[in-house]
Amino acid sequence: IYRRSFGNINEAKQISLEDALRNKDIHAAFISTENKSHEETIRMFLEAGKHVLVEYPMALSAKAAHELWEMAEQKGKVLHVEHIELLTEEYKQLKKEVAGKDLVKGTLHFTGHVLDENKSGFPAFSGIARLTWLIDLFGDLTVTSATREKQKDKNYSRMTVHFQTANKKPLTWIEERGPGMRREKKINFCFTSGCLENFPEAPRSSVGLFMQDQNLFAKKLLGQVSKEELAAEKWRILRCLDLAEVIQQYCEEPEKIYS
């Protein structure tokens, strides 16, 4: 299910959503639509008894995400959320570099082009790939504060989130978007052994990221992923969405005015 119509490709015709839902020969759906429609589309395919692969974020509210996961489990269907940011060689090398080190403090700063929030959702949801990195690298996090600066006339947005790790170490996530901003990630992770300010050199992968992700989906369909791995992935995905919602609530709190 794609966000655009593309007619015929190699004589294969694009079919309608309704046909895909009704067709008994279709057992799985790949959902690549605007973020705001993920929830509704997942729900429709699960109700029709299909397995689902969906781009992140799977929903724009934590409650909806938990409901959809429960629904998939009740129906015995695979609900797979694509998180290719964990499959990049750059990230795999970074994870090796961080492993076993004691964090003192850290910052992950992302910049990128302007997004239409009506379609992509609040930055904590549209930027959940960065939150996923932090959770995967440093374990569970608690939000201590979050703010959002918005300059509508300049189409500029900057969200700053402060976390604490389980060991009470501070982490900061900055998500910044504006016209002409390059898509880029900067890190500054300080450990007791020293600071990491640049991504380690990484080889190119011979298998594309989306293909790696689809292979993982196929393994799930074939029952080749352990219960432990599935449980850890479920926890990570839902925990990140829970935190995204907490961040949004912090950012949307009315400013306290003291007289």
Protein backbone atom coordinates (compact mmCIF):
# COMPACT_ATOMS: atom_id res chain seq x y z
CA ILE A 1 0.00 0.00 0.00
CA TYR A 2 1.86 2.99 -1.33
CA ARG A 3 1.37 6.72 -0.79
CA ARG A 4 1.29 7.34 -4.55
CA SER A 5 -0.40 5.61 -7.46
CA PHE A 6 1.99 4.23 -10.07
CA GLY A 7 -0.16 2.51 -12.71
CA ASN A 8 1.49 -0.56 -14.24
CA ILE A 9 4.99 -1.83 -13.49
CA ASN A 10 6.27 -4.69 -15.68
CA GLU A 11 2.66 -5.39 -16.65
CA ALA A 12 1.67 -5.77 -12.99
CA LYS A 13 -1.30 -3.52 -12.25
CA GLN A 14 -1.76 -1.61 -9.03
CA ILE A 15 -4.91 -2.82 -7.27
CA SER A 16 -7.18 -0.85 -4.97
CA LEU A 17 -7.04 -1.00 -1.18
CA GLU A 18 -10.46 -2.67 -1.16
CA ASP A 19 -9.31 -5.38 -3.58
CA ALA A 20 -6.19 -6.03 -1.50
CA LEU A 21 -8.29 -6.40 1.66
CA ARG A 22 -10.74 -8.80 -0.02
CA ASN A 23 -8.28 -10.90 -2.01
CA LYS A 24 -7.77 -14.31 -0.35
CA ASP A 25 -4.51 -14.81 -2.27
CA ILE A 26 -2.93 -11.82 -0.49
CA HIS A 27 -1.56 -12.91 2.89
CA ALA A 28 0.60 -9.91 3.80
CA ALA A 29 0.57 -6.15 3.28
CA PHE A 30 3.50 -3.72 3.08
CA ILE A 31 2.31 -0.28 4.20
CA SER A 32 4.22 2.75 2.91
CA THR A 33 1.82 5.65 3.36
CA GLU A 34 1.80 8.97 5.20
CA ASN A 35 2.40 8.45 8.93
CA LYS A 36 -1.06 9.69 9.88
CA SER A 37 -2.76 6.85 7.97
CA HIS A 38 -0.59 3.99 9.31
CA GLU A 39 -2.89 3.21 12.24
CA GLU A 40 -6.09 2.95 10.19
CA THR A 41 -4.42 0.93 7.40
CA ILE A 42 -2.81 -1.56 9.83
CA ARG A 43 -6.17 -2.02 11.56
CA MET A 44 -7.95 -2.76 8.26
CA PHE A 45 -5.42 -5.38 7.17
CA LEU A 46 -5.31 -7.09 10.56
CA GLU A 47 -9.12 -7.22 10.59
CA ALA A 48 -8.94 -8.80 7.12
CA GLY A 49 -6.61 -11.48 8.52
CA LYS A 50 -3.39 -10.32 6.82
CA HIS A 51 0.17 -10.05 8.16
CA VAL A 52 1.52 -6.47 8.11
CA LEU A 53 4.86 -4.78 7.51
CA VAL A 54 4.64 -1.03 8.16
CA GLU A 55 7.08 1.87 8.07
CA TYR A 56 7.85 3.56 11.37
CA PRO A 57 6.10 5.05 13.29
CA MET A 58 3.35 2.42 13.38
CA ALA A 59 0.95 4.95 14.93
CA LEU A 60 0.92 8.55 16.15
CA SER A 61 -0.29 7.66 19.65
CA ALA A 62 1.00 5.11 22.15
CA LYS A 63 -2.52 3.89 22.96
CA ALA A 64 -3.21 3.05 19.30
CA ALA A 65 0.12 1.23 18.99
CA HIS A 66 -0.58 -0.97 22.03
CA GLU A 67 -4.09 -1.73 20.72
CA LEU A 68 -2.78 -2.72 17.27
CA TRP A 69 -0.11 -4.97 18.75
CA GLU A 70 -2.70 -6.68 20.94
CA MET A 71 -4.98 -7.11 17.93
CA ALA A 72 -2.18 -8.73 15.88
CA GLU A 73 -1.41 -11.14 18.72
CA GLN A 74 -5.07 -12.06 19.18
CA LYS A 75 -5.40 -12.80 15.46
CA GLY A 76 -2.09 -14.68 15.32
CA LYS A 77 -0.68 -12.30 12.69
CA VAL A 78 2.80 -10.83 12.32
CA LEU A 79 2.92 -7.05 12.81
CA HIS A 80 6.40 -5.95 11.77
CA VAL A 81 7.55 -2.34 12.10
CA GLU A 82 10.38 -1.34 9.75
CA HIS A 83 13.29 0.23 11.61
CA ILE A 84 16.05 0.31 8.99
CA GLU A 85 18.05 2.78 11.10
CA LEU A 86 19.14 -0.21 13.20
CA LEU A 87 20.33 -2.07 10.09
CA THR A 88 22.75 0.53 8.68
CA GLU A 89 26.45 -0.38 8.76
CA GLU A 90 27.08 3.03 10.35
CA TYR A 91 24.82 2.13 13.26
CA LYS A 92 26.16 -1.42 13.64
CA GLN A 93 29.71 -0.01 13.96
CA LEU A 94 28.53 2.63 16.42
CA LYS A 95 26.86 -0.02 18.57
CA LYS A 96 30.10 -2.05 18.66
CA GLU A 97 32.01 1.08 19.65
CA VAL A 98 29.60 1.89 22.49
CA ALA A 99 29.25 -1.67 23.82
CA GLY A 100 30.59 -2.22 27.34
CA LYS A 101 31.42 1.46 27.94
CA ASP A 102 30.13 3.48 30.90
CA LEU A 103 28.22 6.55 29.73
CA VAL A 104 28.84 9.87 31.46
CA LYS A 105 26.64 12.02 29.19
CA GLY A 106 25.59 12.16 25.56
CA THR A 107 23.88 14.11 22.79
CA LEU A 108 22.31 13.02 19.49
CA HIS A 109 21.52 15.96 17.20
CA PHE A 110 19.53 15.43 13.99
CA THR A 111 18.91 18.02 11.29
CA GLY A 112 16.69 17.64 8.24
CA HIS A 113 14.32 19.24 5.78
CA VAL A 114 10.87 20.53 6.72
CA LEU A 115 8.08 17.98 7.23
CA ASP A 116 4.33 18.52 7.02
CA GLU A 117 3.34 17.66 10.59
CA ASN A 118 -0.30 17.15 9.57
CA LYS A 119 0.92 14.11 7.63
CA SER A 120 4.05 13.04 9.52
CA GLY A 121 2.96 13.75 13.09
CA PHE A 122 4.70 15.41 16.03
CA PRO A 123 8.56 15.38 15.78
CA ALA A 124 8.92 12.84 18.60
CA PHE A 125 6.95 10.39 16.41
CA SER A 126 8.30 11.31 12.95
CA GLY A 127 11.82 11.27 14.44
CA ILE A 128 11.38 8.04 16.35
CA ALA A 129 14.36 6.49 14.52
CA ARG A 130 16.65 8.68 16.66
CA LEU A 131 14.85 7.70 19.87
CA THR A 132 15.17 4.05 18.81
CA TRP A 133 18.94 4.47 18.50
CA LEU A 134 19.20 5.89 22.02
CA ILE A 135 17.06 3.15 23.58
CA ASP A 136 18.93 0.44 21.67
CA LEU A 137 22.33 1.85 22.66
CA PHE A 138 21.71 2.83 26.27
CA GLY A 139 18.68 0.87 27.48
CA ASP A 140 15.52 2.26 29.03
CA LEU A 141 15.25 6.03 29.38
CA THR A 142 13.14 8.45 31.41
CA VAL A 143 12.14 11.85 30.03
CA THR A 144 13.18 14.61 32.46
CA SER A 145 12.16 17.57 30.26
CA ALA A 146 11.29 18.45 26.67
CA THR A 147 10.75 21.74 24.85
CA ARG A 148 9.85 22.80 21.35
CA GLU A 149 10.84 25.98 19.54
CA LYS A 150 8.82 26.81 16.45
CA GLN A 151 9.24 29.72 14.04
CA LYS A 152 6.27 29.41 11.71
CA ASP A 153 7.32 32.30 9.47
CA LYS A 154 10.67 30.58 8.83
CA ASN A 155 9.22 27.03 8.73
CA TYR A 156 11.73 26.16 11.46
CA SER A 157 11.34 23.70 14.33
CA ARG A 158 13.68 22.52 17.09
CA MET A 159 12.72 19.95 19.70
CA THR A 160 15.09 19.36 22.64
CA VAL A 161 14.56 16.38 24.91
CA HIS A 162 16.48 15.53 28.09
CA PHE A 163 16.55 11.95 29.35
CA GLN A 164 18.09 10.01 32.18
CA THR A 165 19.39 6.48 31.77
CA ALA A 166 18.67 3.77 34.36
CA ASN A 167 22.04 4.79 35.91
CA LYS A 168 20.90 8.43 36.13
CA LYS A 169 23.21 9.59 33.33
CA PRO A 170 21.98 12.51 31.13
CA LEU A 171 21.21 12.11 27.43
CA THR A 172 19.97 14.84 25.08
CA TRP A 173 18.12 14.39 21.80
CA ILE A 174 17.75 17.39 19.46
CA GLU A 175 15.50 17.15 16.39
CA GLU A 176 15.92 20.25 14.21
CA ARG A 177 14.25 20.95 10.87
CA GLY A 178 14.20 23.90 8.54
CA PRO A 179 14.43 24.92 4.87
CA GLY A 180 17.73 23.90 3.29
CA MET A 181 18.91 21.93 6.31
CA ARG A 182 20.99 18.90 5.37
CA ARG A 183 19.86 15.50 6.59
CA GLU A 184 22.56 14.80 9.12
CA LYS A 185 23.20 13.22 12.52
CA LYS A 186 25.83 14.41 14.97
CA ILE A 187 26.84 12.55 18.11
CA ASN A 188 28.73 13.43 21.25
CA PHE A 189 28.79 10.48 23.62
CA CYS A 190 31.16 10.78 26.58
CA PHE A 191 32.22 7.69 28.50
CA THR A 192 34.52 7.19 31.47
CA SER A 193 37.13 6.12 28.88
CA GLY A 194 36.74 9.18 26.60
CA CYS A 195 34.36 10.86 24.14
CA LEU A 196 33.01 9.68 20.80
CA GLU A 197 32.27 12.62 18.50
CA ASN A 198 32.41 11.03 15.05
CA PHE A 199 30.78 7.98 13.58
CA PRO A 200 33.23 5.10 13.17
CA GLU A 201 34.20 4.07 9.63
CA ALA A 202 31.73 1.54 8.26
CA PRO A 203 31.82 -0.75 5.20
CA ARG A 204 29.06 -0.68 2.60
CA SER A 205 26.50 -3.46 2.91
CA SER A 206 25.96 -5.76 -0.06
CA VAL A 207 22.25 -6.09 0.83
CA GLY A 208 19.99 -3.01 0.72
CA LEU A 209 18.42 -1.85 3.98
CA PHE A 210 14.82 -2.42 2.93
CA MET A 211 15.70 -5.89 1.65
CA GLN A 212 17.36 -6.70 5.00
CA ASP A 213 14.18 -5.55 6.71
CA GLN A 214 11.95 -7.60 4.39
CA ASN A 215 14.13 -10.66 5.04
CA LEU A 216 13.52 -10.19 8.76
CA PHE A 217 9.76 -9.97 8.12
CA ALA A 218 9.96 -13.19 6.08
CA LYS A 219 11.82 -14.92 8.92
CA LYS A 220 9.02 -13.96 11.29
CA LEU A 221 6.42 -15.36 8.89
CA LEU A 222 8.39 -18.62 8.78
CA GLY A 223 8.70 -18.77 12.59
CA GLN A 224 12.50 -18.41 12.44
CA VAL A 225 12.80 -15.59 15.02
CA SER A 226 13.06 -16.58 18.69
CA LYS A 227 10.41 -15.61 21.24
CA GLU A 228 13.07 -13.70 23.17
CA GLU A 229 14.00 -11.59 20.13
CA LEU A 230 10.34 -10.92 19.33
CA ALA A 231 9.62 -9.89 22.93
CA ALA A 232 12.64 -7.55 23.03
CA GLU A 233 11.62 -5.94 19.74
CA LYS A 234 8.02 -5.49 20.90
CA TRP A 235 9.21 -3.86 24.13
CA ARG A 236 11.56 -1.50 22.25
CA ILE A 237 8.98 -0.39 19.69
CA LEU A 238 6.19 0.21 22.20
CA ARG A 239 8.52 1.82 24.76
CA CYS A 240 9.76 4.31 22.15
CA LEU A 241 6.17 5.21 21.24
CA ASP A 242 5.28 5.61 24.94
CA LEU A 243 8.23 7.99 25.34
CA ALA A 244 7.31 9.88 22.15
CA GLU A 245 3.90 10.58 23.65
CA VAL A 246 5.42 11.75 26.95
CA ILE A 247 7.74 14.08 24.99
CA GLN A 248 4.79 15.51 23.04
CA GLN A 249 2.90 16.15 26.29
CA TYR A 250 5.90 17.97 27.78
CA CYS A 251 6.30 20.12 24.67
CA GLU A 252 2.61 21.00 24.45
CA GLU A 253 2.20 21.94 28.12
CA PRO A 254 1.08 25.57 28.43
CA GLU A 255 3.92 27.75 29.63
CA LYS A 256 3.84 28.36 33.36
CA ILE A 257 3.59 32.06 34.12
CA TYR A 258 4.69 33.21 37.54
CA SER A 259 3.59 36.58 38.85
